[in-house]
C-alpha atoms as a PDB file:
ATOM      1  CA  MET A   1     -27.903  -7.662 -14.095  1.00  0.00           C
ATOM      2  CA  PRO A   2     -30.438  -9.135 -12.130  1.00  0.00           C
ATOM      3  CA  ALA A   3     -30.175 -10.430  -8.209  1.00  0.00           C
ATOM      4  CA  VAL A   4     -29.606 -13.881  -7.672  1.00  0.00           C
ATOM      5  CA  HIS A   5     -30.457 -16.778  -5.007  1.00  0.00           C
ATOM      6  CA  ILE A   6     -27.936 -19.331  -4.408  1.00  0.00           C
ATOM      7  CA  TYR A   7     -28.557 -22.332  -2.238  1.00  0.00           C
ATOM      8  CA  ASP A   8     -26.165 -24.508  -0.966  1.00  0.00           C
ATOM      9  CA  GLU A   9     -26.286 -27.689  -2.803  1.00  0.00           C
ATOM     10  CA  HIS A  10     -24.068 -29.502   0.024  1.00  0.00           C
ATOM     11  CA  PRO A  11     -25.305 -30.426   3.961  1.00  0.00           C
ATOM     12  CA  PRO A  12     -23.694 -28.411   6.360  1.00  0.00           C
ATOM     13  CA  VAL A  13     -20.139 -29.952   7.189  1.00  0.00           C
ATOM     14  CA  LYS A  14     -19.585 -30.960  10.810  1.00  0.00           C
ATOM     15  CA  LEU A  15     -16.241 -29.680  11.531  1.00  0.00           C
ATOM     16  CA  ASP A  16     -14.169 -31.146  14.805  1.00  0.00           C
ATOM     17  CA  LYS A  17     -12.517 -28.488  16.381  1.00  0.00           C
ATOM     18  CA  ARG A  18      -9.827 -30.660  17.650  1.00  0.00           C
ATOM     19  CA  LYS A  19      -8.635 -31.471  14.203  1.00  0.00           C
ATOM     20  CA  PRO A  20      -7.386 -29.006  11.375  1.00  0.00           C
ATOM     21  CA  VAL A  21      -9.634 -28.726   8.458  1.00  0.00           C
ATOM     22  CA  SER A  22      -8.154 -31.523   5.625  1.00  0.00           C
ATOM     23  CA  ARG A  23      -9.940 -29.510   2.778  1.00  0.00           C
ATOM     24  CA  PRO A  24     -11.860 -26.433   1.647  1.00  0.00           C
ATOM     25  CA  VAL A  25     -15.387 -26.261   2.277  1.00  0.00           C
ATOM     26  CA  PRO A  26     -17.553 -24.554  -0.109  1.00  0.00           C
ATOM     27  CA  ALA A  27     -19.103 -21.265   1.664  1.00  0.00           C
ATOM     28  CA  ARG A  28     -22.491 -21.612   2.675  1.00  0.00           C
ATOM     29  CA  VAL A  29     -24.482 -18.655   1.298  1.00  0.00           C
ATOM     30  CA  GLU A  30     -28.257 -17.864   1.841  1.00  0.00           C
ATOM     31  CA  GLY A  31     -30.461 -15.292   0.534  1.00  0.00           C
ATOM     32  CA  GLU A  32     -29.873 -12.726  -2.097  1.00  0.00           C
ATOM     33  CA  LEU A  33     -26.742 -12.224  -3.838  1.00  0.00           C
ATOM     34  CA  VAL A  34     -26.359  -8.705  -6.106  1.00  0.00           C
ATOM     35  CA  PRO A  35     -23.453  -8.437  -8.960  1.00  0.00           C
ATOM     36  CA  VAL A  36     -21.363  -5.446  -7.378  1.00  0.00           C
ATOM     37  CA  TYR A  37     -18.976  -3.907  -9.782  1.00  0.00           C
ATOM     38  CA  VAL A  38     -15.834  -4.135  -8.381  1.00  0.00           C
ATOM     39  CA  TRP A  39     -12.883  -3.724 -10.879  1.00  0.00           C
ATOM     40  CA  ASP A  40     -13.221  -1.155 -12.968  1.00  0.00           C
ATOM     41  CA  VAL A  41     -11.966  -0.935 -16.758  1.00  0.00           C
ATOM     42  CA  VAL A  42      -8.467   0.706 -15.540  1.00  0.00           C
ATOM     43  CA  VAL A  43      -7.956  -2.051 -13.216  1.00  0.00           C
ATOM     44  CA  ARG A  44      -8.871  -4.752 -15.743  1.00  0.00           C
ATOM     45  CA  ALA A  45      -6.767  -3.222 -18.701  1.00  0.00           C
ATOM     46  CA  THR A  46      -3.432  -2.786 -16.630  1.00  0.00           C
ATOM     47  CA  HIS A  47      -4.291  -6.152 -15.059  1.00  0.00           C
ATOM     48  CA  TRP A  48      -3.745  -8.281 -18.431  1.00  0.00           C
ATOM     49  CA  ALA A  49      -1.415  -5.509 -19.852  1.00  0.00           C
ATOM     50  CA  ILE A  50       0.830  -6.811 -17.041  1.00  0.00           C
ATOM     51  CA  VAL A  51       0.206 -10.516 -17.619  1.00  0.00           C
ATOM     52  CA  LEU A  52       0.674 -10.383 -21.290  1.00  0.00           C
ATOM     53  CA  SER A  53       3.812  -8.456 -21.235  1.00  0.00           C
ATOM     54  CA  MET A  54       5.158 -10.551 -18.506  1.00  0.00           C
ATOM     55  CA  ILE A  55       4.619 -13.372 -20.547  1.00  0.00           C
ATOM     56  CA  VAL A  56       6.545 -11.934 -23.501  1.00  0.00           C
ATOM     57  CA  LEU A  57       9.142 -10.784 -20.993  1.00  0.00           C
ATOM     58  CA  ALA A  58       9.697 -13.915 -19.699  1.00  0.00           C
ATOM     59  CA  ILE A  59      10.055 -15.648 -22.785  1.00  0.00           C
ATOM     60  CA  THR A  60      12.393 -13.228 -24.594  1.00  0.00           C
ATOM     61  CA  GLY A  61      14.039 -12.647 -21.456  1.00  0.00           C
ATOM     62  CA  VAL A  62      15.096 -16.575 -20.922  1.00  0.00           C
ATOM     63  CA  TYR A  63      16.283 -16.530 -24.212  1.00  0.00           C
ATOM     64  CA  LEU A  64      18.466 -13.432 -24.256  1.00  0.00           C
ATOM     65  CA  GLY A  65      20.259 -15.041 -21.164  1.00  0.00           C
ATOM     66  CA  ARG A  66      21.333 -18.241 -23.098  1.00  0.00           C
ATOM     67  CA  PRO A  67      20.768 -17.746 -26.899  1.00  0.00           C
ATOM     68  CA  PHE A  68      20.326 -21.240 -28.676  1.00  0.00           C
ATOM     69  CA  VAL A  69      19.677 -20.345 -31.799  1.00  0.00           C
ATOM     70  CA  SER A  70      23.124 -19.927 -34.013  1.00  0.00           C
ATOM     71  CA  ALA A  71      23.380 -19.737 -37.613  1.00  0.00           C
ATOM     72  CA  GLU A  72      26.046 -19.079 -40.406  1.00  0.00           C
ATOM     73  CA  GLY A  73      26.055 -16.399 -42.766  1.00  0.00           C
ATOM     74  CA  PRO A  74      25.170 -12.407 -42.467  1.00  0.00           C
ATOM     75  CA  ALA A  75      23.931 -11.126 -39.091  1.00  0.00           C
ATOM     76  CA  ARG A  76      21.229  -9.399 -41.208  1.00  0.00           C
ATOM     77  CA  GLU A  77      20.094 -12.844 -42.313  1.00  0.00           C
ATOM     78  CA  HIS A  78      19.903 -14.263 -39.266  1.00  0.00           C
ATOM     79  CA  PHE A  79      18.955 -11.302 -36.339  1.00  0.00           C
ATOM     80  CA  VAL A  80      16.891 -13.478 -34.031  1.00  0.00           C
ATOM     81  CA  THR A  81      18.947 -12.129 -30.916  1.00  0.00           C
ATOM     82  CA  GLY A  82      18.105  -8.459 -32.246  1.00  0.00           C
ATOM     83  CA  TYR A  83      14.614  -9.483 -32.815  1.00  0.00           C
ATOM     84  CA  MET A  84      14.377 -10.766 -29.291  1.00  0.00           C
ATOM     85  CA  LYS A  85      16.096  -7.378 -27.780  1.00  0.00           C
ATOM     86  CA  ILE A  86      13.538  -5.278 -29.657  1.00  0.00           C
ATOM     87  CA  VAL A  87      10.601  -7.319 -28.657  1.00  0.00           C
ATOM     88  CA  HIS A  88      11.702  -7.449 -25.234  1.00  0.00           C
ATOM     89  CA  ALA A  89      12.124  -3.968 -25.118  1.00  0.00           C
ATOM     90  CA  TYR A  90       8.572  -2.991 -26.034  1.00  0.00           C
ATOM     91  CA  ALA A  91       7.147  -5.293 -23.697  1.00  0.00           C
ATOM     92  CA  ALA A  92       9.217  -3.647 -21.007  1.00  0.00           C
ATOM     93  CA  ILE A  93       7.495  -0.477 -21.865  1.00  0.00           C
ATOM     94  CA  ALA A  94       4.087  -1.957 -22.249  1.00  0.00           C
ATOM     95  CA  PHE A  95       4.899  -3.360 -18.661  1.00  0.00           C
ATOM     96  CA  THR A  96       6.240  -0.057 -17.095  1.00  0.00           C
ATOM     97  CA  LEU A  97       3.336   1.896 -18.223  1.00  0.00           C
ATOM     98  CA  ALA A  98       0.664  -0.385 -16.966  1.00  0.00           C
ATOM     99  CA  VAL A  99       2.424  -0.702 -13.704  1.00  0.00           C
ATOM    100  CA  LEU A 100       2.823   3.014 -13.296  1.00  0.00           C
ATOM    101  CA  SER A 101      -0.645   3.412 -14.395  1.00  0.00           C
ATOM    102  CA  ARG A 102      -2.114   1.163 -11.894  1.00  0.00           C
ATOM    103  CA  ILE A 103       0.069   2.731  -9.133  1.00  0.00           C
ATOM    104  CA  VAL A 104      -1.218   6.188  -9.985  1.00  0.00           C
ATOM    105  CA  TRP A 105      -5.062   4.716 -10.044  1.00  0.00           C
ATOM    106  CA  MET A 106      -4.341   3.342  -6.381  1.00  0.00           C
ATOM    107  CA  PHE A 107      -4.617   7.189  -5.340  1.00  0.00           C
ATOM    108  CA  LEU A 108      -7.133   8.546  -8.225  1.00  0.00           C
ATOM    109  CA  GLY A 109      -9.329   5.441  -9.148  1.00  0.00           C
ATOM    110  CA  PRO A 110     -12.517   4.666  -7.243  1.00  0.00           C
ATOM    111  CA  ARG A 111     -13.043   2.967  -3.870  1.00  0.00           C
ATOM    112  CA  HIS A 112     -12.327  -0.596  -4.906  1.00  0.00           C
ATOM    113  CA  SER A 113      -9.318   0.192  -6.697  1.00  0.00           C
ATOM    114  CA  GLY A 114      -7.465   2.351  -3.866  1.00  0.00           C
ATOM    115  CA  TRP A 115      -4.548   1.744  -1.640  1.00  0.00           C
ATOM    116  CA  ARG A 116      -7.017   0.553   1.048  1.00  0.00           C
ATOM    117  CA  GLN A 117      -7.298  -2.536  -0.672  1.00  0.00           C
ATOM    118  CA  PHE A 118      -3.626  -3.337  -0.047  1.00  0.00           C
ATOM    119  CA  ILE A 119      -3.062  -1.944   3.230  1.00  0.00           C
ATOM    120  CA  PRO A 120      -5.391  -2.922   6.063  1.00  0.00           C
ATOM    121  CA  THR A 121      -6.570   0.352   7.798  1.00  0.00           C
ATOM    122  CA  SER A 122      -8.985  -1.282  10.086  1.00  0.00           C
ATOM    123  CA  LYS A 123      -8.909  -3.906  12.842  1.00  0.00           C
ATOM    124  CA  ARG A 124     -11.449  -6.037  10.970  1.00  0.00           C
ATOM    125  CA  ARG A 125      -9.409  -5.850   7.938  1.00  0.00           C
ATOM    126  CA  LEU A 126      -6.546  -7.361  10.198  1.00  0.00           C
ATOM    127  CA  ARG A 127      -8.610  -9.755  11.689  1.00  0.00           C
ATOM    128  CA  GLU A 128      -9.979 -11.023   8.240  1.00  0.00           C
ATOM    129  CA  MET A 129      -6.081 -11.270   7.015  1.00  0.00           C
ATOM    130  CA  VAL A 130      -5.486 -13.927   9.680  1.00  0.00           C
ATOM    131  CA  ALA A 131      -8.753 -15.490   9.165  1.00  0.00           C
ATOM    132  CA  THR A 132      -7.748 -15.618   5.299  1.00  0.00           C
ATOM    133  CA  PHE A 133      -4.192 -17.242   6.415  1.00  0.00           C
ATOM    134  CA  LYS A 134      -5.803 -19.812   8.400  1.00  0.00           C
ATOM    135  CA  PHE A 135      -7.921 -20.814   5.422  1.00  0.00           C
ATOM    136  CA  TYR A 136      -4.906 -21.304   3.055  1.00  0.00           C
ATOM    137  CA  ILE A 137      -3.281 -23.336   5.677  1.00  0.00           C
ATOM    138  CA  MET A 138      -6.386 -25.361   6.223  1.00  0.00           C
ATOM    139  CA  LEU A 139      -7.426 -24.217   9.824  1.00  0.00           C
ATOM    140  CA  ARG A 140     -10.671 -23.004   8.549  1.00  0.00           C
ATOM    141  CA  PRO A 141     -13.271 -24.034   6.201  1.00  0.00           C
ATOM    142  CA  ASN A 142     -13.883 -21.043   4.000  1.00  0.00           C
ATOM    143  CA  PRO A 143     -12.142 -17.215   3.919  1.00  0.00           C
ATOM    144  CA  PRO A 144     -13.969 -14.118   5.033  1.00  0.00           C
ATOM    145  CA  GLN A 145     -16.180 -12.615   2.177  1.00  0.00           C
ATOM    146  CA  THR A 146     -14.759  -9.248   0.955  1.00  0.00           C
ATOM    147  CA  ARG A 147     -16.078  -7.263  -1.791  1.00  0.00           C
ATOM    148  CA  GLY A 148     -12.441  -6.300  -3.769  1.00  0.00           C
ATOM    149  CA  HIS A 149      -9.141  -8.296  -2.877  1.00  0.00           C
ATOM    150  CA  ASN A 150      -8.836 -10.319   0.518  1.00  0.00           C
ATOM    151  CA  PRO A 151      -6.451  -8.554   2.983  1.00  0.00           C
ATOM    152  CA  LEU A 152      -3.740 -11.144   2.665  1.00  0.00           C
ATOM    153  CA  ALA A 153      -3.835 -10.877  -1.251  1.00  0.00           C
ATOM    154  CA  GLY A 154      -3.558  -7.061  -0.863  1.00  0.00           C
ATOM    155  CA  ALA A 155      -0.774  -7.135   1.399  1.00  0.00           C
ATOM    156  CA  THR A 156       1.052  -9.304  -0.980  1.00  0.00           C
ATOM    157  CA  TYR A 157       0.617  -7.641  -3.635  1.00  0.00           C
ATOM    158  CA  VAL A 158       2.455  -4.533  -2.198  1.00  0.00           C
ATOM    159  CA  ALA A 159       5.418  -7.242  -2.217  1.00  0.00           C
ATOM    160  CA  VAL A 160       4.507  -7.805  -5.966  1.00  0.00           C
ATOM    161  CA  PHE A 161       4.288  -4.523  -6.999  1.00  0.00           C
ATOM    162  CA  GLY A 162       7.983  -3.728  -5.326  1.00  0.00           C
ATOM    163  CA  LEU A 163       9.214  -6.709  -7.245  1.00  0.00           C
ATOM    164  CA  TYR A 164       7.696  -4.980 -10.485  1.00  0.00           C
ATOM    165  CA  LEU A 165       9.860  -1.666  -9.337  1.00  0.00           C
ATOM    166  CA  VAL A 166      12.648  -3.876  -8.860  1.00  0.00           C
ATOM    167  CA  MET A 167      12.545  -5.147 -12.694  1.00  0.00           C
ATOM    168  CA  ILE A 168      11.677  -1.945 -13.843  1.00  0.00           C
ATOM    169  CA  ALA A 169      14.836  -0.057 -12.305  1.00  0.00           C
ATOM    170  CA  SER A 170      17.070  -2.965 -13.198  1.00  0.00           C
ATOM    171  CA  GLY A 171      16.013  -3.275 -16.634  1.00  0.00           C
ATOM    172  CA  LEU A 172      16.594   0.369 -17.239  1.00  0.00           C
ATOM    173  CA  ALA A 173      19.773  -0.186 -15.545  1.00  0.00           C
ATOM    174  CA  LEU A 174      20.856  -2.824 -18.093  1.00  0.00           C
ATOM    175  CA  TYR A 175      19.463  -1.109 -21.035  1.00  0.00           C
ATOM    176  CA  SER A 176      21.324   1.936 -20.313  1.00  0.00           C
ATOM    177  CA  ILE A 177      24.510   0.295 -21.174  1.00  0.00           C
ATOM    178  CA  GLY A 178      26.015   0.828 -24.410  1.00  0.00           C
ATOM    179  CA  THR A 179      23.250   3.363 -25.883  1.00  0.00           C
ATOM    180  CA  ARG A 180      23.447   6.964 -26.562  1.00  0.00           C
ATOM    181  CA  SER A 181      19.910   7.370 -26.858  1.00  0.00           C
ATOM    182  CA  TYR A 182      18.050   9.211 -23.721  1.00  0.00           C
ATOM    183  CA  MET A 183      18.509   5.739 -21.960  1.00  0.00           C
ATOM    184  CA  HIS A 184      22.037   6.629 -21.308  1.00  0.00           C
ATOM    185  CA  GLY A 185      20.623   8.694 -18.494  1.00  0.00           C
ATOM    186  CA  PHE A 186      19.160   5.942 -16.360  1.00  0.00           C
ATOM    187  CA  GLN A 187      22.885   4.520 -15.678  1.00  0.00           C
ATOM    188  CA  PHE A 188      22.644   6.646 -12.679  1.00  0.00           C
ATOM    189  CA  LEU A 189      20.779   3.422 -11.592  1.00  0.00           C
ATOM    190  CA  LEU A 190      23.894   1.144 -11.946  1.00  0.00           C
ATOM    191  CA  PRO A 191      25.364   1.906  -8.655  1.00  0.00           C
ATOM    192  CA  LEU A 192      22.040   1.125  -6.883  1.00  0.00           C
ATOM    193  CA  PHE A 193      22.788  -2.524  -8.005  1.00  0.00           C
ATOM    194  CA  HIS A 194      26.562  -2.508  -7.733  1.00  0.00           C
ATOM    195  CA  GLY A 195      27.108  -2.508 -11.067  1.00  0.00           C
ATOM    196  CA  ALA A 196      25.926  -4.057 -14.586  1.00  0.00           C
ATOM    197  CA  GLN A 197      26.557  -8.248 -13.436  1.00  0.00           C
ATOM    198  CA  MET A 198      24.312  -7.982 -10.031  1.00  0.00           C
ATOM    199  CA  ALA A 199      22.001  -5.744 -11.658  1.00  0.00           C
ATOM    200  CA  ARG A 200      21.564  -8.463 -14.383  1.00  0.00           C
ATOM    201  CA  TRP A 201      21.682 -11.163 -11.585  1.00  0.00           C
ATOM    202  CA  ILE A 202      18.889  -9.179  -9.635  1.00  0.00           C
ATOM    203  CA  HIS A 203      16.933  -9.138 -12.659  1.00  0.00           C
ATOM    204  CA  HIS A 204      16.849 -12.810 -13.355  1.00  0.00           C
ATOM    205  CA  VAL A 205      16.177 -13.670 -10.104  1.00  0.00           C
ATOM    206  CA  THR A 206      13.227 -11.464  -9.516  1.00  0.00           C
ATOM    207  CA  MET A 207      11.754 -12.594 -12.966  1.00  0.00           C
ATOM    208  CA  TRP A 208      11.526 -16.220 -11.290  1.00  0.00           C
ATOM    209  CA  LEU A 209      10.056 -14.768  -8.089  1.00  0.00           C
ATOM    210  CA  LEU A 210       7.391 -13.156 -10.312  1.00  0.00           C
ATOM    211  CA  ILE A 211       6.795 -16.670 -11.946  1.00  0.00           C
ATOM    212  CA  GLY A 212       6.261 -18.113  -9.026  1.00  0.00           C
ATOM    213  CA  PHE A 213       3.824 -15.513  -7.549  1.00  0.00           C
ATOM    214  CA  VAL A 214       1.711 -16.125 -10.933  1.00  0.00           C
ATOM    215  CA  VAL A 215       1.659 -20.121 -10.394  1.00  0.00           C
ATOM    216  CA  HIS A 216       0.339 -19.534  -6.651  1.00  0.00           C
ATOM    217  CA  HIS A 217      -1.828 -16.518  -8.060  1.00  0.00           C
ATOM    218  CA  LEU A 218      -3.442 -18.836 -10.506  1.00  0.00           C
ATOM    219  CA  PHE A 219      -3.965 -21.478  -7.765  1.00  0.00           C
ATOM    220  CA  SER A 220      -5.417 -18.860  -4.927  1.00  0.00           C
ATOM    221  CA  ALA A 221      -8.043 -17.656  -7.243  1.00  0.00           C
ATOM    222  CA  LEU A 222      -9.227 -21.155  -8.696  1.00  0.00           C
ATOM    223  CA  LEU A 223      -9.487 -22.246  -4.844  1.00  0.00           C
ATOM    224  CA  THR A 224     -11.260 -18.855  -3.675  1.00  0.00           C
ATOM    225  CA  SER A 225     -13.648 -19.019  -6.663  1.00  0.00           C
ATOM    226  CA  ARG A 226     -14.149 -22.860  -5.923  1.00  0.00           C
ATOM    227  CA  VAL A 227     -15.149 -22.111  -2.214  1.00  0.00           C
ATOM    228  CA  GLU A 228     -16.594 -18.339  -2.339  1.00  0.00           C
ATOM    229  CA  ARG A 229     -18.660 -19.222  -5.576  1.00  0.00           C
ATOM    230  CA  ASN A 230     -18.990 -15.325  -6.056  1.00  0.00           C
ATOM    231  CA  GLY A 231     -17.597 -15.276  -9.836  1.00  0.00           C
ATOM    232  CA  THR A 232     -13.649 -14.235  -8.720  1.00  0.00           C
ATOM    233  CA  ILE A 233     -12.542 -15.791 -11.938  1.00  0.00           C
ATOM    234  CA  ASP A 234     -15.147 -14.067 -14.260  1.00  0.00           C
ATOM    235  CA  SER A 235     -15.050 -10.839 -12.535  1.00  0.00           C
ATOM    236  CA  ILE A 236     -11.645  -9.865 -14.186  1.00  0.00           C
ATOM    237  CA  PHE A 237     -13.054 -10.173 -17.343  1.00  0.00           C
ATOM    238  CA  SER A 238     -16.601  -8.333 -16.578  1.00  0.00           C
ATOM    239  CA  GLY A 239     -15.702  -6.494 -13.542  1.00  0.00           C
ATOM    240  CA  TYR A 240     -18.576  -7.904 -11.497  1.00  0.00           C
ATOM    241  CA  LYS A 241     -18.706  -9.981  -8.452  1.00  0.00           C
ATOM    242  CA  PHE A 242     -21.925 -11.513  -6.830  1.00  0.00           C
ATOM    243  CA  LEU A 243     -21.859 -10.564  -3.197  1.00  0.00           C
ATOM    244  CA  PRO A 244     -24.174 -10.693  -0.304  1.00  0.00           C
ATOM    245  CA  LYS A 245     -26.533  -7.478  -0.448  1.00  0.00           C
ATOM    246  CA  ASN A 246     -25.630  -6.197   3.051  1.00  0.00           C
ATOM    247  CA  LEU A 247     -21.949  -7.129   2.656  1.00  0.00           C
ATOM    248  CA  PRO A 248     -19.783  -4.091   4.200  1.00  0.00           C
ATOM    249  CA  GLU A 249     -17.288  -2.196   2.194  1.00  0.00           C
ATOM    250  CA  ASP A 250     -13.859  -3.595   3.022  1.00  0.00           C
ATOM    251  CA  ASP A 251     -12.555  -0.032   4.086  1.00  0.00           C
ATOM    252  CA  ASP A 252     -15.643   0.641   6.473  1.00  0.00           C
ATOM    253  CA  LYS A 253     -15.069   1.017  10.047  1.00  0.00           C
ATOM    254  CA  ASP A 254     -14.636  -1.911  12.271  1.00  0.00           C
ATOM    255  CA  VAL A 255     -17.989  -4.194  12.507  1.00  0.00           C
ATOM    256  CA  ASP A 256     -18.263  -5.956  15.943  1.00  0.00           C
END
């Protein structure tokens, strides 16, 4: 892919430092931008597997919590809830495999996919985390440029993956009830959630927390894509972002 040059179409914005920034300002980028392969195929595949399985799990999970289809006659002719359980189970398998694969890839994958994208390991990343937070609360006109995840997003994803694991564990605990398959072996998880009823409540609440995160994630991605103008949204499909040629790696040593 060829390098490109981007010139700011907007005149420089004069900011009054005494007042908070009321709106995000497109980043002023001058010079050469080069395509950088940031998200490898494993990252993109697990990302979309998680997204699609979460959609199916949310829809079927809401139905299973409050079934609203009832019909008279033999159950074999009206097996809506049964089919919902089956779809929910297979979507849960896909979700679990995708989450676990992504966690393993944090330690086995390339630089931009590693765990340092999620846990800041340098003073520079900590400073950028603060700067990114100021951008989100409108105290800074644009966020610091990074190759992969910005440090605040990366730290947030640690919590999100924690919620993923809670969903998986509580789901396995609930599925172990009333089954004679190998899944019965996951009943040891029930005491960790203080029984089936609490496990079901935690499973339900965690689902809504993740739905809330998805809404925020979409808004943040659209906002940063509009401000940074580096192909953030496109990158999760192609793997490429357009970045300044000499932009340091996210986990490089501190730069003064």
